[in-house]
PDB file of N, CA and C in Angstrom:
ATOM      1  N   UNK A   1      10.643   7.461 -10.569  1.00  0.00           N
ATOM      2  CA  UNK A   1       9.086   7.371 -10.259  1.00  0.00           C
ATOM      3  C   UNK A   1       8.257   7.641  -9.168  1.00  0.00           C
ATOM      4  N   UNK A   2       7.205   8.516  -8.978  1.00  0.00           N
ATOM      5  CA  UNK A   2       6.735   9.090  -7.752  1.00  0.00           C
ATOM      6  C   UNK A   2       5.477   8.034  -7.607  1.00  0.00           C
ATOM      7  N   UNK A   3       4.561   7.997  -6.754  1.00  0.00           N
ATOM      8  CA  UNK A   3       3.735   7.195  -5.974  1.00  0.00           C
ATOM      9  C   UNK A   3       3.118   7.689  -4.820  1.00  0.00           C
ATOM     10  N   UNK A   4       1.466   7.932  -5.036  1.00  0.00           N
ATOM     11  CA  UNK A   4       1.011   8.332  -3.646  1.00  0.00           C
ATOM     12  C   UNK A   4      -0.089   6.481  -3.163  1.00  0.00           C
ATOM     13  N   UNK A   5       0.344   6.618  -1.930  1.00  0.00           N
ATOM     14  CA  UNK A   5      -0.435   5.241  -1.538  1.00  0.00           C
ATOM     15  C   UNK A   5      -0.939   5.571  -0.115  1.00  0.00           C
ATOM     16  N   UNK A   6      -2.337   4.916  -0.208  1.00  0.00           N
ATOM     17  CA  UNK A   6      -3.541   4.784   1.098  1.00  0.00           C
ATOM     18  C   UNK A   6      -3.300   3.421   1.599  1.00  0.00           C
ATOM     19  N   UNK A   7      -3.193   3.148   3.322  1.00  0.00           N
ATOM     20  CA  UNK A   7      -3.305   2.115   3.411  1.00  0.00           C
ATOM     21  C   UNK A   7      -4.485   1.366   3.616  1.00  0.00           C
ATOM     22  N   UNK A   8      -4.998   0.286   3.554  1.00  0.00           N
ATOM     23  CA  UNK A   8      -5.747  -0.128   3.234  1.00  0.00           C
ATOM     24  C   UNK A   8      -6.103  -1.460   5.029  1.00  0.00           C
ATOM     25  N   UNK A   9      -7.301  -2.026   4.951  1.00  0.00           N
ATOM     26  CA  UNK A   9      -7.405  -2.532   6.122  1.00  0.00           C
ATOM     27  C   UNK A   9      -7.087  -4.170   5.628  1.00  0.00           C
ATOM     28  N   UNK A  10      -6.706  -4.733   4.448  1.00  0.00           N
ATOM     29  CA  UNK A  10      -6.282  -5.905   3.951  1.00  0.00           C
ATOM     30  C   UNK A  10      -5.034  -5.953   4.070  1.00  0.00           C
ATOM     31  N   UNK A  11      -5.224  -7.269   4.975  1.00  0.00           N
ATOM     32  CA  UNK A  11      -3.677  -7.734   5.492  1.00  0.00           C
ATOM     33  C   UNK A  11      -3.994  -9.379   4.466  1.00  0.00           C
ATOM     34  N   UNK A  12      -2.480  -9.335   4.039  1.00  0.00           N
ATOM     35  CA  UNK A  12      -2.260 -11.475   3.866  1.00  0.00           C
ATOM     36  C   UNK A  12      -1.293 -11.452   4.003  1.00  0.00           C
ATOM     37  N   UNK A  13      -1.028 -12.638   3.903  1.00  0.00           N
ATOM     38  CA  UNK A  13       0.245 -13.594   4.423  1.00  0.00           C
ATOM     39  C   UNK A  13       1.319 -14.126   3.136  1.00  0.00           C
ATOM     40  N   UNK A  14       2.575 -13.469   3.205  1.00  0.00           N
ATOM     41  CA  UNK A  14       3.199 -13.689   2.238  1.00  0.00           C
ATOM     42  C   UNK A  14       3.401 -15.387   2.202  1.00  0.00           C
ATOM     43  N   UNK A  15       3.964 -15.719   1.497  1.00  0.00           N
ATOM     44  CA  UNK A  15       4.740 -17.587   1.831  1.00  0.00           C
ATOM     45  C   UNK A  15       5.799 -17.626   0.592  1.00  0.00           C
ATOM     46  N   UNK A  16       6.714 -18.203   0.912  1.00  0.00           N
ATOM     47  CA  UNK A  16       7.737 -18.220   0.247  1.00  0.00           C
ATOM     48  C   UNK A  16       8.662 -19.352   0.791  1.00  0.00           C
ATOM     49  N   UNK A  17       9.096 -20.454  -0.061  1.00  0.00           N
ATOM     50  CA  UNK A  17      10.059 -21.223   0.937  1.00  0.00           C
ATOM     51  C   UNK A  17      11.115 -20.659   1.335  1.00  0.00           C
ATOM     52  N   UNK A  18      11.425 -19.633   0.729  1.00  0.00           N
ATOM     53  CA  UNK A  18      12.894 -19.784   1.638  1.00  0.00           C
ATOM     54  C   UNK A  18      12.878 -18.408   1.902  1.00  0.00           C
ATOM     55  N   UNK A  19      12.138 -16.993   1.778  1.00  0.00           N
ATOM     56  CA  UNK A  19      12.216 -15.814   2.140  1.00  0.00           C
ATOM     57  C   UNK A  19      11.302 -15.503   3.185  1.00  0.00           C
ATOM     58  N   UNK A  20       9.861 -15.289   2.509  1.00  0.00           N
ATOM     59  CA  UNK A  20       9.038 -14.771   3.706  1.00  0.00           C
ATOM     60  C   UNK A  20       7.324 -15.898   3.886  1.00  0.00           C
ATOM     61  N   UNK A  21       8.393 -17.070   4.226  1.00  0.00           N
ATOM     62  CA  UNK A  21       6.910 -18.124   4.977  1.00  0.00           C
ATOM     63  C   UNK A  21       6.154 -17.209   5.574  1.00  0.00           C
ATOM     64  N   UNK A  22       4.947 -16.953   5.969  1.00  0.00           N
ATOM     65  CA  UNK A  22       3.687 -16.618   6.530  1.00  0.00           C
ATOM     66  C   UNK A  22       4.054 -15.030   7.089  1.00  0.00           C
ATOM     67  N   UNK A  23       4.724 -14.481   6.669  1.00  0.00           N
ATOM     68  CA  UNK A  23       5.264 -12.799   6.206  1.00  0.00           C
ATOM     69  C   UNK A  23       3.478 -11.905   6.513  1.00  0.00           C
ATOM     70  N   UNK A  24       3.242 -11.517   7.483  1.00  0.00           N
ATOM     71  CA  UNK A  24       2.289 -10.527   6.737  1.00  0.00           C
ATOM     72  C   UNK A  24       2.420  -9.243   6.366  1.00  0.00           C
ATOM     73  N   UNK A  25       1.433  -8.783   5.385  1.00  0.00           N
ATOM     74  CA  UNK A  25       1.891  -7.569   4.437  1.00  0.00           C
ATOM     75  C   UNK A  25       0.245  -7.112   4.609  1.00  0.00           C
ATOM     76  N   UNK A  26       0.481  -5.736   5.136  1.00  0.00           N
ATOM     77  CA  UNK A  26      -0.392  -4.847   4.471  1.00  0.00           C
ATOM     78  C   UNK A  26      -0.455  -4.125   3.001  1.00  0.00           C
ATOM     79  N   UNK A  27      -1.768  -4.328   2.440  1.00  0.00           N
ATOM     80  CA  UNK A  27      -1.986  -4.284   0.876  1.00  0.00           C
ATOM     81  C   UNK A  27      -2.068  -2.710   0.793  1.00  0.00           C
ATOM     82  N   UNK A  28      -1.587  -1.598   0.143  1.00  0.00           N
ATOM     83  CA  UNK A  28      -1.769  -0.006   0.203  1.00  0.00           C
ATOM     84  C   UNK A  28      -2.309   0.500  -1.322  1.00  0.00           C
ATOM     85  N   UNK A  29      -3.249   1.064  -1.377  1.00  0.00           N
ATOM     86  CA  UNK A  29      -3.808   1.742  -3.083  1.00  0.00           C
ATOM     87  C   UNK A  29      -3.055   2.958  -3.583  1.00  0.00           C
ATOM     88  N   UNK A  30      -3.172   2.926  -4.435  1.00  0.00           N
ATOM     89  CA  UNK A  30      -2.708   4.062  -4.601  1.00  0.00           C
ATOM     90  C   UNK A  30      -2.770   4.355  -6.118  1.00  0.00           C
ATOM     91  N   UNK A  31      -1.544   5.260  -6.847  1.00  0.00           N
ATOM     92  CA  UNK A  31      -1.298   5.323  -8.410  1.00  0.00           C
ATOM     93  C   UNK A  31      -0.063   6.113  -8.758  1.00  0.00           C
ATOM     94  N   UNK A  32       0.671   5.994  -9.719  1.00  0.00           N
ATOM     95  CA  UNK A  32       1.727   6.497  -9.968  1.00  0.00           C
ATOM     96  C   UNK A  32       1.146   7.937 -10.448  1.00  0.00           C
ATOM     97  N   UNK A  33       2.670   8.847 -10.629  1.00  0.00           N
ATOM     98  CA  UNK A  33       1.916   9.988 -10.675  1.00  0.00           C
ATOM     99  C   UNK A  33       1.257  10.558 -11.874  1.00  0.00           C
ATOM    100  N   UNK A  34       1.134   9.509 -13.161  1.00  0.00           N
ATOM    101  CA  UNK A  34       0.575   9.473 -14.202  1.00  0.00           C
ATOM    102  C   UNK A  34      -0.812   9.121 -14.328  1.00  0.00           C
ATOM    103  N   UNK A  35      -1.429   8.584 -13.032  1.00  0.00           N
ATOM    104  CA  UNK A  35      -3.002   8.401 -12.122  1.00  0.00           C
ATOM    105  C   UNK A  35      -2.736   6.672 -12.483  1.00  0.00           C
ATOM    106  N   UNK A  36      -1.599   5.808 -12.509  1.00  0.00           N
ATOM    107  CA  UNK A  36      -1.573   4.506 -12.666  1.00  0.00           C
ATOM    108  C   UNK A  36      -2.463   3.574 -12.052  1.00  0.00           C
ATOM    109  N   UNK A  37      -3.273   3.074 -11.483  1.00  0.00           N
ATOM    110  CA  UNK A  37      -3.716   2.904  -9.982  1.00  0.00           C
ATOM    111  C   UNK A  37      -2.889   1.149 -10.093  1.00  0.00           C
ATOM    112  N   UNK A  38      -1.964   1.712  -8.916  1.00  0.00           N
ATOM    113  CA  UNK A  38      -1.240   0.575  -8.188  1.00  0.00           C
ATOM    114  C   UNK A  38      -1.578   0.014  -7.102  1.00  0.00           C
ATOM    115  N   UNK A  39      -1.062  -1.512  -6.273  1.00  0.00           N
ATOM    116  CA  UNK A  39      -1.438  -1.340  -5.078  1.00  0.00           C
ATOM    117  C   UNK A  39       0.285  -2.107  -5.347  1.00  0.00           C
ATOM    118  N   UNK A  40       0.090  -1.765  -3.851  1.00  0.00           N
ATOM    119  CA  UNK A  40       1.761  -2.226  -2.666  1.00  0.00           C
ATOM    120  C   UNK A  40       1.195  -3.271  -1.885  1.00  0.00           C
ATOM    121  N   UNK A  41       2.462  -4.097  -1.449  1.00  0.00           N
ATOM    122  CA  UNK A  41       2.272  -5.221  -0.381  1.00  0.00           C
ATOM    123  C   UNK A  41       3.839  -4.912   0.664  1.00  0.00           C
ATOM    124  N   UNK A  42       3.343  -4.131   1.683  1.00  0.00           N
ATOM    125  CA  UNK A  42       4.206  -3.461   2.808  1.00  0.00           C
ATOM    126  C   UNK A  42       3.883  -4.554   4.189  1.00  0.00           C
ATOM    127  N   UNK A  43       5.543  -4.813   4.222  1.00  0.00           N
ATOM    128  CA  UNK A  43       5.785  -5.396   5.500  1.00  0.00           C
ATOM    129  C   UNK A  43       6.238  -4.812   6.645  1.00  0.00           C
ATOM    130  N   UNK A  44       7.022  -3.664   5.841  1.00  0.00           N
ATOM    131  CA  UNK A  44       7.488  -2.727   6.982  1.00  0.00           C
ATOM    132  C   UNK A  44       7.726  -1.623   6.272  1.00  0.00           C
ATOM    133  N   UNK A  45       7.300  -0.359   7.894  1.00  0.00           N
ATOM    134  CA  UNK A  45       7.687   0.817   7.663  1.00  0.00           C
ATOM    135  C   UNK A  45       7.852   1.413   8.654  1.00  0.00           C
ATOM    136  N   UNK A  46       8.643   2.918   8.326  1.00  0.00           N
ATOM    137  CA  UNK A  46       9.280   3.076   9.801  1.00  0.00           C
ATOM    138  C   UNK A  46       9.694   4.612   9.825  1.00  0.00           C
ATOM    139  N   UNK A  47      10.381   5.318  10.352  1.00  0.00           N
ATOM    140  CA  UNK A  47      10.865   6.684  10.501  1.00  0.00           C
ATOM    141  C   UNK A  47      11.632   6.632  11.199  1.00  0.00           C
ATOM    142  N   UNK A  48      13.001   7.233  11.162  1.00  0.00           N
ATOM    143  CA  UNK A  48      13.969   7.156  11.808  1.00  0.00           C
ATOM    144  C   UNK A  48      13.627   7.823  13.518  1.00  0.00           C
ATOM    145  N   UNK A  49      14.386   7.001  14.328  1.00  0.00           N
ATOM    146  CA  UNK A  49      14.354   6.887  16.132  1.00  0.00           C
ATOM    147  C   UNK A  49      14.031   8.537  16.054  1.00  0.00           C
ATOM    148  N   UNK A  50      14.807   9.420  15.649  1.00  0.00           N
ATOM    149  CA  UNK A  50      14.908  10.692  16.285  1.00  0.00           C
ATOM    150  C   UNK A  50      14.256  11.670  15.537  1.00  0.00           C
ATOM    151  N   UNK A  51      13.249  11.258  14.724  1.00  0.00           N
ATOM    152  CA  UNK A  51      12.141  12.088  13.837  1.00  0.00           C
ATOM    153  C   UNK A  51      11.335  12.555  14.976  1.00  0.00           C
ATOM    154  N   UNK A  52      11.100  13.866  14.704  1.00  0.00           N
ATOM    155  CA  UNK A  52      10.811  14.427  16.049  1.00  0.00           C
ATOM    156  C   UNK A  52       8.869  14.716  15.537  1.00  0.00           C
ATOM    157  N   UNK A  53       8.680  13.885  14.838  1.00  0.00           N
ATOM    158  CA  UNK A  53       7.211  13.539  14.894  1.00  0.00           C
ATOM    159  C   UNK A  53       6.799  12.354  14.448  1.00  0.00           C
ATOM    160  N   UNK A  54       7.624  11.524  15.515  1.00  0.00           N
ATOM    161  CA  UNK A  54       7.586   9.882  15.331  1.00  0.00           C
ATOM    162  C   UNK A  54       6.144   9.567  15.786  1.00  0.00           C
ATOM    163  N   UNK A  55       5.742  10.088  17.164  1.00  0.00           N
ATOM    164  CA  UNK A  55       4.593  10.233  17.594  1.00  0.00           C
ATOM    165  C   UNK A  55       3.078  10.264  16.311  1.00  0.00           C
ATOM    166  N   UNK A  56       3.224  11.465  15.633  1.00  0.00           N
ATOM    167  CA  UNK A  56       2.056  11.698  14.920  1.00  0.00           C
ATOM    168  C   UNK A  56       2.224  10.934  13.794  1.00  0.00           C
ATOM    169  N   UNK A  57       3.538  10.363  13.455  1.00  0.00           N
ATOM    170  CA  UNK A  57       3.664   9.288  11.828  1.00  0.00           C
ATOM    171  C   UNK A  57       3.014   8.330  12.876  1.00  0.00           C
ATOM    172  N   UNK A  58       3.199   7.023  13.845  1.00  0.00           N
ATOM    173  CA  UNK A  58       2.628   6.372  14.111  1.00  0.00           C
ATOM    174  C   UNK A  58       1.123   6.381  14.557  1.00  0.00           C
ATOM    175  N   UNK A  59       0.889   7.584  15.077  1.00  0.00           N
ATOM    176  CA  UNK A  59      -0.887   7.635  14.906  1.00  0.00           C
ATOM    177  C   UNK A  59      -1.488   7.520  13.932  1.00  0.00           C
ATOM    178  N   UNK A  60      -0.740   8.215  12.694  1.00  0.00           N
ATOM    179  CA  UNK A  60      -1.498   8.373  11.435  1.00  0.00           C
ATOM    180  C   UNK A  60      -1.309   7.220  10.754  1.00  0.00           C
ATOM    181  N   UNK A  61      -0.353   6.304  11.122  1.00  0.00           N
ATOM    182  CA  UNK A  61      -0.351   4.804  10.588  1.00  0.00           C
ATOM    183  C   UNK A  61      -1.582   3.714  10.920  1.00  0.00           C
ATOM    184  N   UNK A  62      -2.416   4.053  11.762  1.00  0.00           N
ATOM    185  CA  UNK A  62      -3.630   3.484  12.518  1.00  0.00           C
ATOM    186  C   UNK A  62      -4.383   3.926  11.542  1.00  0.00           C
ATOM    187  N   UNK A  63      -4.691   4.873  10.456  1.00  0.00           N
ATOM    188  CA  UNK A  63      -5.728   5.111   9.491  1.00  0.00           C
ATOM    189  C   UNK A  63      -5.661   4.159   8.790  1.00  0.00           C
ATOM    190  N   UNK A  64      -6.708   3.325   8.606  1.00  0.00           N
ATOM    191  CA  UNK A  64      -6.533   2.985   7.087  1.00  0.00           C
ATOM    192  C   UNK A  64      -7.839   2.642   6.111  1.00  0.00           C
ATOM    193  N   UNK A  65      -7.966   2.724   4.832  1.00  0.00           N
ATOM    194  CA  UNK A  65      -9.390   2.828   4.364  1.00  0.00           C
ATOM    195  C   UNK A  65      -9.644   1.560   3.987  1.00  0.00           C
ATOM    196  N   UNK A  66     -10.885   1.117   4.227  1.00  0.00           N
ATOM    197  CA  UNK A  66     -11.723   0.194   3.455  1.00  0.00           C
ATOM    198  C   UNK A  66     -11.152  -0.134   1.721  1.00  0.00           C
ATOM    199  N   UNK A  67     -10.277  -1.331   1.463  1.00  0.00           N
ATOM    200  CA  UNK A  67      -9.826  -1.650   0.191  1.00  0.00           C
ATOM    201  C   UNK A  67     -10.856  -1.556  -0.803  1.00  0.00           C
ATOM    202  N   UNK A  68     -10.833  -1.223  -2.200  1.00  0.00           N
ATOM    203  CA  UNK A  68     -11.564  -1.443  -3.076  1.00  0.00           C
ATOM    204  C   UNK A  68     -11.771  -3.016  -3.279  1.00  0.00           C
ATOM    205  N   UNK A  69     -13.033  -3.133  -4.015  1.00  0.00           N
ATOM    206  CA  UNK A  69     -13.301  -4.406  -4.650  1.00  0.00           C
ATOM    207  C   UNK A  69     -12.285  -5.007  -5.045  1.00  0.00           C
ATOM    208  N   UNK A  70     -11.629  -4.771  -6.316  1.00  0.00           N
ATOM    209  CA  UNK A  70     -10.370  -5.672  -6.699  1.00  0.00           C
ATOM    210  C   UNK A  70      -9.416  -6.468  -5.283  1.00  0.00           C
ATOM    211  N   UNK A  71      -8.694  -5.257  -4.373  1.00  0.00           N
ATOM    212  CA  UNK A  71      -8.138  -5.590  -3.828  1.00  0.00           C
ATOM    213  C   UNK A  71      -8.544  -6.441  -2.501  1.00  0.00           C
ATOM    214  N   UNK A  72      -9.869  -6.472  -2.511  1.00  0.00           N
ATOM    215  CA  UNK A  72     -10.591  -7.439  -1.145  1.00  0.00           C
ATOM    216  C   UNK A  72     -10.703  -8.937  -1.626  1.00  0.00           C
ATOM    217  N   UNK A  73     -10.795  -8.881  -3.333  1.00  0.00           N
ATOM    218  CA  UNK A  73     -10.738 -10.260  -3.728  1.00  0.00           C
ATOM    219  C   UNK A  73      -9.069 -10.493  -3.667  1.00  0.00           C
ATOM    220  N   UNK A  74      -8.394 -10.143  -3.564  1.00  0.00           N
ATOM    221  CA  UNK A  74      -7.072 -10.763  -3.249  1.00  0.00           C
ATOM    222  C   UNK A  74      -6.870 -11.794  -2.313  1.00  0.00           C
ATOM    223  N   UNK A  75      -6.717 -13.130  -2.348  1.00  0.00           N
ATOM    224  CA  UNK A  75      -6.663 -14.256  -1.238  1.00  0.00           C
ATOM    225  C   UNK A  75      -5.651 -13.889  -0.180  1.00  0.00           C
ATOM    226  N   UNK A  76      -6.149 -13.923   0.943  1.00  0.00           N
ATOM    227  CA  UNK A  76      -5.388 -13.639   2.426  1.00  0.00           C
ATOM    228  C   UNK A  76      -4.298 -14.541   2.493  1.00  0.00           C
ATOM    229  N   UNK A  77      -3.697 -14.869   1.403  1.00  0.00           N
ATOM    230  CA  UNK A  77      -2.519 -16.428   1.813  1.00  0.00           C
ATOM    231  C   UNK A  77      -1.802 -16.254   0.123  1.00  0.00           C
ATOM    232  N   UNK A  78      -1.388 -15.427  -0.461  1.00  0.00           N
ATOM    233  CA  UNK A  78      -0.502 -15.564  -1.419  1.00  0.00           C
ATOM    234  C   UNK A  78       0.871 -16.283  -1.828  1.00  0.00           C
ATOM    235  N   UNK A  79       1.392 -16.978  -2.446  1.00  0.00           N
ATOM    236  CA  UNK A  79       2.370 -17.673  -2.219  1.00  0.00           C
ATOM    237  C   UNK A  79       3.051 -16.863  -3.792  1.00  0.00           C
ATOM    238  N   UNK A  80       4.466 -16.982  -3.603  1.00  0.00           N
ATOM    239  CA  UNK A  80       5.127 -16.123  -4.310  1.00  0.00           C
ATOM    240  C   UNK A  80       6.191 -16.960  -4.922  1.00  0.00           C
TER     241      UNK A  80
END
């Protein structure tokens, strides 16, 4: 499966008693290659240290869109 994602300004806190207690996650919105809308909770994203375009990646990572209404409605604290 392939997906296309775009970062949003929405950040939530993931809580689980054993794994992710208080872990912040940015919500990314997108779709599958068949056009099915999806959203993902991203806690970490990186490129290799020796990636020559690392600086550009980090700059692009600062660009975030306003989340859609359904994503905006997700509570800022999620218990998994």
